[in-house]
Amino acid sequence: MKRKEKAAQANYLERIPKRCAHVSWTADEKGIVTLAVENKGWANRLAQVLFLRPKISYIHLDELGSFVWPLIDGKTSLEALGAPVEEAFGEKAQPLYPRLAQYFRILDSYGFIEWEK
């Protein structure tokens, strides 16, 4: 891994994620988290009318994502979130930090989280 990539990853791990207020969530009896996101805006409204798109989208997270989602509190960095993930999943979560960073990039790209830092 190049020096710039290592520095960028290290800086990314220091970031603190916070769940967005417009995303509600529930967990089932197995602990699998489902995010409920209301589709707002004129484009979404048009798609709802013309193409019968749902007003609320439900996103089901996988086992690892469902474990991490409740841990997002707006105070804990990505690096600190890695310890309980590694403890719970062990070898299954490897490579831990690149995988965790990618998960949060995806959450950020969909607007499910914001960054405190």
N, C-alpha and C. Protein backbone atom coordinates (compact mmCIF):
# COMPACT_ATOMS: atom_id res chain seq x y z
N MET A 1 0.85 -1.18 0.00
CA MET A 1 0.00 0.00 0.00
C MET A 1 0.90 1.24 0.00
N LYS A 2 0.57 2.21 -0.81
CA LYS A 2 1.37 3.42 -0.92
C LYS A 2 1.21 4.27 0.33
N ARG A 3 2.18 5.15 0.55
CA ARG A 3 2.19 5.99 1.74
C ARG A 3 0.96 6.90 1.80
N LYS A 4 0.56 7.49 0.67
CA LYS A 4 -0.62 8.37 0.64
C LYS A 4 -1.89 7.59 0.98
N GLU A 5 -1.99 6.37 0.46
CA GLU A 5 -3.16 5.54 0.75
C GLU A 5 -3.23 5.20 2.23
N LYS A 6 -2.08 4.87 2.85
CA LYS A 6 -2.05 4.57 4.28
C LYS A 6 -2.44 5.79 5.09
N ALA A 7 -1.95 6.96 4.72
CA ALA A 7 -2.29 8.19 5.44
C ALA A 7 -3.77 8.52 5.29
N ALA A 8 -4.30 8.35 4.09
CA ALA A 8 -5.73 8.62 3.86
C ALA A 8 -6.59 7.66 4.66
N GLN A 9 -6.19 6.37 4.72
CA GLN A 9 -6.96 5.40 5.48
C GLN A 9 -6.88 5.71 6.97
N ALA A 10 -5.70 6.08 7.47
CA ALA A 10 -5.54 6.41 8.89
C ALA A 10 -6.41 7.61 9.25
N ASN A 11 -6.41 8.63 8.40
CA ASN A 11 -7.25 9.80 8.66
C ASN A 11 -8.73 9.43 8.62
N TYR A 12 -9.11 8.56 7.74
CA TYR A 12 -10.50 8.15 7.62
C TYR A 12 -10.94 7.42 8.88
N LEU A 13 -10.07 6.61 9.46
CA LEU A 13 -10.39 5.86 10.66
C LEU A 13 -10.57 6.75 11.88
N GLU A 14 -10.06 7.96 11.83
CA GLU A 14 -10.23 8.91 12.94
C GLU A 14 -11.57 9.62 12.87
N ARG A 15 -12.28 9.49 11.77
CA ARG A 15 -13.56 10.18 11.60
C ARG A 15 -14.62 9.56 12.51
N ILE A 16 -15.60 10.39 12.88
CA ILE A 16 -16.66 9.97 13.80
C ILE A 16 -17.99 10.03 13.07
N PRO A 17 -18.62 8.86 12.83
CA PRO A 17 -19.91 8.85 12.14
C PRO A 17 -21.08 9.11 13.09
N LYS A 18 -22.13 9.68 12.52
CA LYS A 18 -23.37 9.94 13.26
C LYS A 18 -24.53 9.57 12.35
N ARG A 19 -25.52 8.86 12.89
CA ARG A 19 -26.68 8.48 12.09
C ARG A 19 -27.49 9.72 11.74
N CYS A 20 -28.01 9.78 10.54
CA CYS A 20 -28.85 10.90 10.12
C CYS A 20 -30.24 10.76 10.74
N ALA A 21 -30.83 11.89 11.07
CA ALA A 21 -32.13 11.90 11.74
C ALA A 21 -33.25 11.38 10.85
N HIS A 22 -33.12 11.53 9.54
CA HIS A 22 -34.19 11.10 8.64
C HIS A 22 -34.22 9.59 8.39
N VAL A 23 -33.26 8.87 8.96
CA VAL A 23 -33.20 7.42 8.78
C VAL A 23 -33.65 6.75 10.08
N SER A 24 -34.79 6.09 10.03
CA SER A 24 -35.23 5.33 11.21
C SER A 24 -34.83 3.87 11.00
N TRP A 25 -34.78 3.12 12.08
CA TRP A 25 -34.35 1.74 11.97
C TRP A 25 -34.98 0.86 13.04
N THR A 26 -35.05 -0.41 12.72
CA THR A 26 -35.53 -1.42 13.64
C THR A 26 -34.64 -2.64 13.52
N ALA A 27 -34.65 -3.46 14.55
CA ALA A 27 -33.91 -4.71 14.53
C ALA A 27 -34.88 -5.85 14.81
N ASP A 28 -34.74 -6.95 14.08
CA ASP A 28 -35.61 -8.10 14.31
C ASP A 28 -35.05 -8.96 15.45
N GLU A 29 -35.68 -10.08 15.70
CA GLU A 29 -35.28 -10.95 16.81
C GLU A 29 -33.89 -11.56 16.61
N LYS A 30 -33.43 -11.62 15.38
CA LYS A 30 -32.08 -12.14 15.11
C LYS A 30 -31.03 -11.04 15.15
N GLY A 31 -31.47 -9.79 15.34
CA GLY A 31 -30.54 -8.67 15.40
C GLY A 31 -30.26 -8.03 14.05
N ILE A 32 -30.96 -8.45 13.00
CA ILE A 32 -30.76 -7.87 11.67
C ILE A 32 -31.48 -6.53 11.62
N VAL A 33 -30.74 -5.50 11.24
CA VAL A 33 -31.25 -4.13 11.21
C VAL A 33 -31.86 -3.82 9.84
N THR A 34 -33.01 -3.14 9.89
CA THR A 34 -33.66 -2.65 8.68
C THR A 34 -33.78 -1.14 8.79
N LEU A 35 -33.23 -0.44 7.81
CA LEU A 35 -33.32 1.02 7.76
C LEU A 35 -34.55 1.40 6.96
N ALA A 36 -35.27 2.41 7.43
CA ALA A 36 -36.44 2.92 6.71
C ALA A 36 -36.14 4.36 6.30
N VAL A 37 -36.12 4.61 5.00
CA VAL A 37 -35.76 5.92 4.47
C VAL A 37 -36.92 6.45 3.64
N GLU A 38 -37.42 7.63 4.02
CA GLU A 38 -38.51 8.24 3.27
C GLU A 38 -37.93 8.89 2.02
N ASN A 39 -38.54 8.61 0.89
CA ASN A 39 -38.10 9.17 -0.39
C ASN A 39 -38.78 10.52 -0.59
N LYS A 40 -38.02 11.59 -0.35
CA LYS A 40 -38.55 12.94 -0.44
C LYS A 40 -38.04 13.63 -1.70
N GLY A 41 -38.60 14.76 -2.00
CA GLY A 41 -38.15 15.56 -3.13
C GLY A 41 -39.06 15.37 -4.34
N TRP A 42 -38.96 16.32 -5.26
CA TRP A 42 -39.86 16.30 -6.41
C TRP A 42 -39.59 15.11 -7.33
N ALA A 43 -38.33 14.74 -7.50
CA ALA A 43 -38.01 13.61 -8.38
C ALA A 43 -38.56 12.31 -7.81
N ASN A 44 -38.42 12.14 -6.51
CA ASN A 44 -38.97 10.94 -5.87
C ASN A 44 -40.49 10.94 -5.92
N ARG A 45 -41.09 12.10 -5.74
CA ARG A 45 -42.55 12.20 -5.80
C ARG A 45 -43.05 11.85 -7.20
N LEU A 46 -42.35 12.34 -8.21
CA LEU A 46 -42.70 12.02 -9.59
C LEU A 46 -42.57 10.51 -9.86
N ALA A 47 -41.49 9.91 -9.37
CA ALA A 47 -41.29 8.47 -9.54
C ALA A 47 -42.36 7.67 -8.81
N GLN A 48 -42.82 8.18 -7.67
CA GLN A 48 -43.88 7.50 -6.92
C GLN A 48 -45.19 7.52 -7.70
N VAL A 49 -45.47 8.63 -8.35
CA VAL A 49 -46.72 8.75 -9.09
C VAL A 49 -46.65 7.99 -10.42
N LEU A 50 -45.59 8.22 -11.19
CA LEU A 50 -45.49 7.63 -12.52
C LEU A 50 -45.09 6.16 -12.53
N PHE A 51 -44.16 5.80 -11.65
CA PHE A 51 -43.61 4.44 -11.70
C PHE A 51 -43.98 3.61 -10.48
N LEU A 52 -44.88 4.13 -9.66
CA LEU A 52 -45.35 3.44 -8.46
C LEU A 52 -44.21 3.04 -7.52
N ARG A 53 -43.22 3.91 -7.40
CA ARG A 53 -42.12 3.69 -6.46
C ARG A 53 -42.65 3.87 -5.04
N PRO A 54 -42.07 3.18 -4.07
CA PRO A 54 -42.57 3.30 -2.70
C PRO A 54 -42.19 4.65 -2.06
N LYS A 55 -43.03 5.10 -1.15
CA LYS A 55 -42.75 6.34 -0.43
C LYS A 55 -41.62 6.12 0.58
N ILE A 56 -41.53 4.92 1.12
CA ILE A 56 -40.48 4.58 2.07
C ILE A 56 -39.72 3.37 1.53
N SER A 57 -38.40 3.47 1.52
CA SER A 57 -37.55 2.35 1.11
C SER A 57 -37.02 1.66 2.36
N TYR A 58 -36.98 0.34 2.33
CA TYR A 58 -36.46 -0.45 3.45
C TYR A 58 -35.17 -1.12 3.00
N ILE A 59 -34.12 -0.89 3.76
CA ILE A 59 -32.81 -1.44 3.45
C ILE A 59 -32.44 -2.41 4.55
N HIS A 60 -32.21 -3.66 4.20
CA HIS A 60 -31.86 -4.70 5.17
C HIS A 60 -30.34 -4.84 5.19
N LEU A 61 -29.74 -4.64 6.34
CA LEU A 61 -28.29 -4.74 6.48
C LEU A 61 -27.88 -6.19 6.71
N ASP A 62 -26.65 -6.50 6.35
CA ASP A 62 -26.13 -7.84 6.59
C ASP A 62 -25.74 -7.98 8.06
N GLU A 63 -25.19 -9.11 8.42
CA GLU A 63 -24.85 -9.40 9.81
C GLU A 63 -23.85 -8.40 10.39
N LEU A 64 -22.79 -8.12 9.66
CA LEU A 64 -21.79 -7.18 10.12
C LEU A 64 -22.35 -5.76 10.21
N GLY A 65 -23.08 -5.35 9.18
CA GLY A 65 -23.68 -4.02 9.18
C GLY A 65 -24.70 -3.86 10.29
N SER A 66 -25.44 -4.91 10.57
CA SER A 66 -26.43 -4.88 11.64
C SER A 66 -25.77 -4.79 13.01
N PHE A 67 -24.58 -5.35 13.13
CA PHE A 67 -23.84 -5.25 14.39
C PHE A 67 -23.30 -3.84 14.59
N VAL A 68 -22.81 -3.23 13.52
CA VAL A 68 -22.17 -1.92 13.61
C VAL A 68 -23.19 -0.79 13.75
N TRP A 69 -24.33 -0.87 13.07
CA TRP A 69 -25.29 0.24 13.03
C TRP A 69 -25.69 0.75 14.43
N PRO A 70 -26.06 -0.11 15.39
CA PRO A 70 -26.42 0.42 16.71
C PRO A 70 -25.25 1.04 17.47
N LEU A 71 -24.03 0.72 17.06
CA LEU A 71 -22.84 1.28 17.73
C LEU A 71 -22.53 2.71 17.30
N ILE A 72 -23.14 3.16 16.22
CA ILE A 72 -22.91 4.51 15.71
C ILE A 72 -23.63 5.49 16.63
N ASP A 73 -22.82 6.26 17.38
CA ASP A 73 -23.40 7.16 18.38
C ASP A 73 -22.98 8.62 18.23
N GLY A 74 -22.17 8.93 17.23
CA GLY A 74 -21.72 10.31 17.04
C GLY A 74 -20.57 10.68 17.96
N LYS A 75 -20.02 9.70 18.69
CA LYS A 75 -18.91 9.96 19.61
C LYS A 75 -17.73 9.01 19.39
N THR A 76 -17.98 7.92 18.71
CA THR A 76 -16.99 6.86 18.56
C THR A 76 -16.40 6.88 17.15
N SER A 77 -15.08 6.85 17.06
CA SER A 77 -14.41 6.86 15.75
C SER A 77 -14.50 5.48 15.09
N LEU A 78 -14.22 5.45 13.80
CA LEU A 78 -14.22 4.18 13.08
C LEU A 78 -13.20 3.22 13.67
N GLU A 79 -12.06 3.75 14.05
CA GLU A 79 -11.02 2.91 14.63
C GLU A 79 -11.51 2.25 15.92
N ALA A 80 -12.20 3.01 16.77
CA ALA A 80 -12.73 2.46 18.02
C ALA A 80 -13.86 1.47 17.76
N LEU A 81 -14.63 1.66 16.70
CA LEU A 81 -15.70 0.73 16.36
C LEU A 81 -15.14 -0.63 15.92
N GLY A 82 -13.91 -0.64 15.48
CA GLY A 82 -13.30 -1.88 15.01
C GLY A 82 -13.09 -2.91 16.10
N ALA A 83 -12.81 -2.48 17.33
CA ALA A 83 -12.53 -3.41 18.43
C ALA A 83 -13.72 -4.33 18.73
N PRO A 84 -14.94 -3.80 18.94
CA PRO A 84 -16.05 -4.73 19.20
C PRO A 84 -16.40 -5.60 17.99
N VAL A 85 -16.17 -5.07 16.79
CA VAL A 85 -16.44 -5.87 15.58
C VAL A 85 -15.46 -7.04 15.53
N GLU A 86 -14.20 -6.77 15.79
CA GLU A 86 -13.19 -7.83 15.76
C GLU A 86 -13.46 -8.86 16.86
N GLU A 87 -13.89 -8.40 18.01
CA GLU A 87 -14.18 -9.31 19.11
C GLU A 87 -15.38 -10.21 18.78
N ALA A 88 -16.39 -9.65 18.16
CA ALA A 88 -17.60 -10.41 17.85
C ALA A 88 -17.44 -11.34 16.64
N PHE A 89 -16.70 -10.89 15.61
CA PHE A 89 -16.64 -11.64 14.36
C PHE A 89 -15.30 -12.31 14.11
N GLY A 90 -14.25 -11.87 14.78
CA GLY A 90 -12.94 -12.48 14.62
C GLY A 90 -12.45 -12.46 13.19
N GLU A 91 -12.05 -13.62 12.72
CA GLU A 91 -11.47 -13.76 11.37
C GLU A 91 -12.49 -13.45 10.28
N LYS A 92 -13.77 -13.58 10.58
CA LYS A 92 -14.83 -13.34 9.60
C LYS A 92 -14.87 -11.87 9.14
N ALA A 93 -14.39 -10.96 9.98
CA ALA A 93 -14.43 -9.53 9.68
C ALA A 93 -13.18 -9.04 8.94
N GLN A 94 -12.24 -9.91 8.71
CA GLN A 94 -10.98 -9.49 8.11
C GLN A 94 -11.12 -9.33 6.60
N PRO A 95 -10.44 -8.37 5.99
CA PRO A 95 -9.61 -7.32 6.56
C PRO A 95 -10.49 -6.25 7.22
N LEU A 96 -10.34 -6.09 8.51
CA LEU A 96 -11.27 -5.33 9.33
C LEU A 96 -11.40 -3.87 8.93
N TYR A 97 -10.32 -3.11 8.99
CA TYR A 97 -10.43 -1.67 8.80
C TYR A 97 -10.73 -1.26 7.36
N PRO A 98 -10.14 -1.89 6.35
CA PRO A 98 -10.56 -1.55 4.99
C PRO A 98 -12.04 -1.87 4.74
N ARG A 99 -12.50 -2.97 5.31
CA ARG A 99 -13.90 -3.36 5.14
C ARG A 99 -14.82 -2.39 5.87
N LEU A 100 -14.44 -2.01 7.10
CA LEU A 100 -15.23 -1.06 7.88
C LEU A 100 -15.26 0.31 7.21
N ALA A 101 -14.12 0.74 6.68
CA ALA A 101 -14.06 2.03 5.99
C ALA A 101 -14.95 2.01 4.75
N GLN A 102 -14.95 0.92 3.99
CA GLN A 102 -15.79 0.82 2.80
C GLN A 102 -17.27 0.83 3.18
N TYR A 103 -17.62 0.15 4.26
CA TYR A 103 -19.01 0.13 4.73
C TYR A 103 -19.48 1.55 5.04
N PHE A 104 -18.64 2.33 5.71
CA PHE A 104 -19.02 3.70 6.05
C PHE A 104 -19.02 4.62 4.83
N ARG A 105 -18.17 4.35 3.85
CA ARG A 105 -18.23 5.13 2.60
C ARG A 105 -19.58 4.90 1.91
N ILE A 106 -20.05 3.67 1.93
CA ILE A 106 -21.33 3.35 1.31
C ILE A 106 -22.47 4.03 2.07
N LEU A 107 -22.46 3.93 3.40
CA LEU A 107 -23.49 4.59 4.21
C LEU A 107 -23.50 6.09 3.94
N ASP A 108 -22.31 6.68 3.82
CA ASP A 108 -22.19 8.11 3.55
C ASP A 108 -22.71 8.45 2.16
N SER A 109 -22.41 7.63 1.18
CA SER A 109 -22.84 7.91 -0.19
C SER A 109 -24.36 7.89 -0.33
N TYR A 110 -25.03 7.09 0.48
CA TYR A 110 -26.49 7.03 0.45
C TYR A 110 -27.13 8.05 1.39
N GLY A 111 -26.32 8.78 2.15
CA GLY A 111 -26.84 9.80 3.04
C GLY A 111 -27.44 9.24 4.32
N PHE A 112 -26.99 8.06 4.74
CA PHE A 112 -27.50 7.45 5.97
C PHE A 112 -26.75 7.94 7.20
N ILE A 113 -25.53 8.45 7.01
CA ILE A 113 -24.73 8.96 8.11
C ILE A 113 -24.19 10.34 7.76
N GLU A 114 -23.74 11.04 8.80
CA GLU A 114 -23.02 12.31 8.67
C GLU A 114 -21.73 12.14 9.44
N TRP A 115 -20.79 13.08 9.26
CA TRP A 115 -19.52 13.00 9.96
C TRP A 115 -19.42 14.12 10.99
N GLU A 116 -19.02 13.76 12.19
CA GLU A 116 -18.81 14.72 13.26
C GLU A 116 -17.49 15.44 13.09
N LYS A 117 -16.49 14.72 12.62
CA LYS A 117 -15.14 15.26 12.55
C LYS A 117 -14.66 15.24 11.13
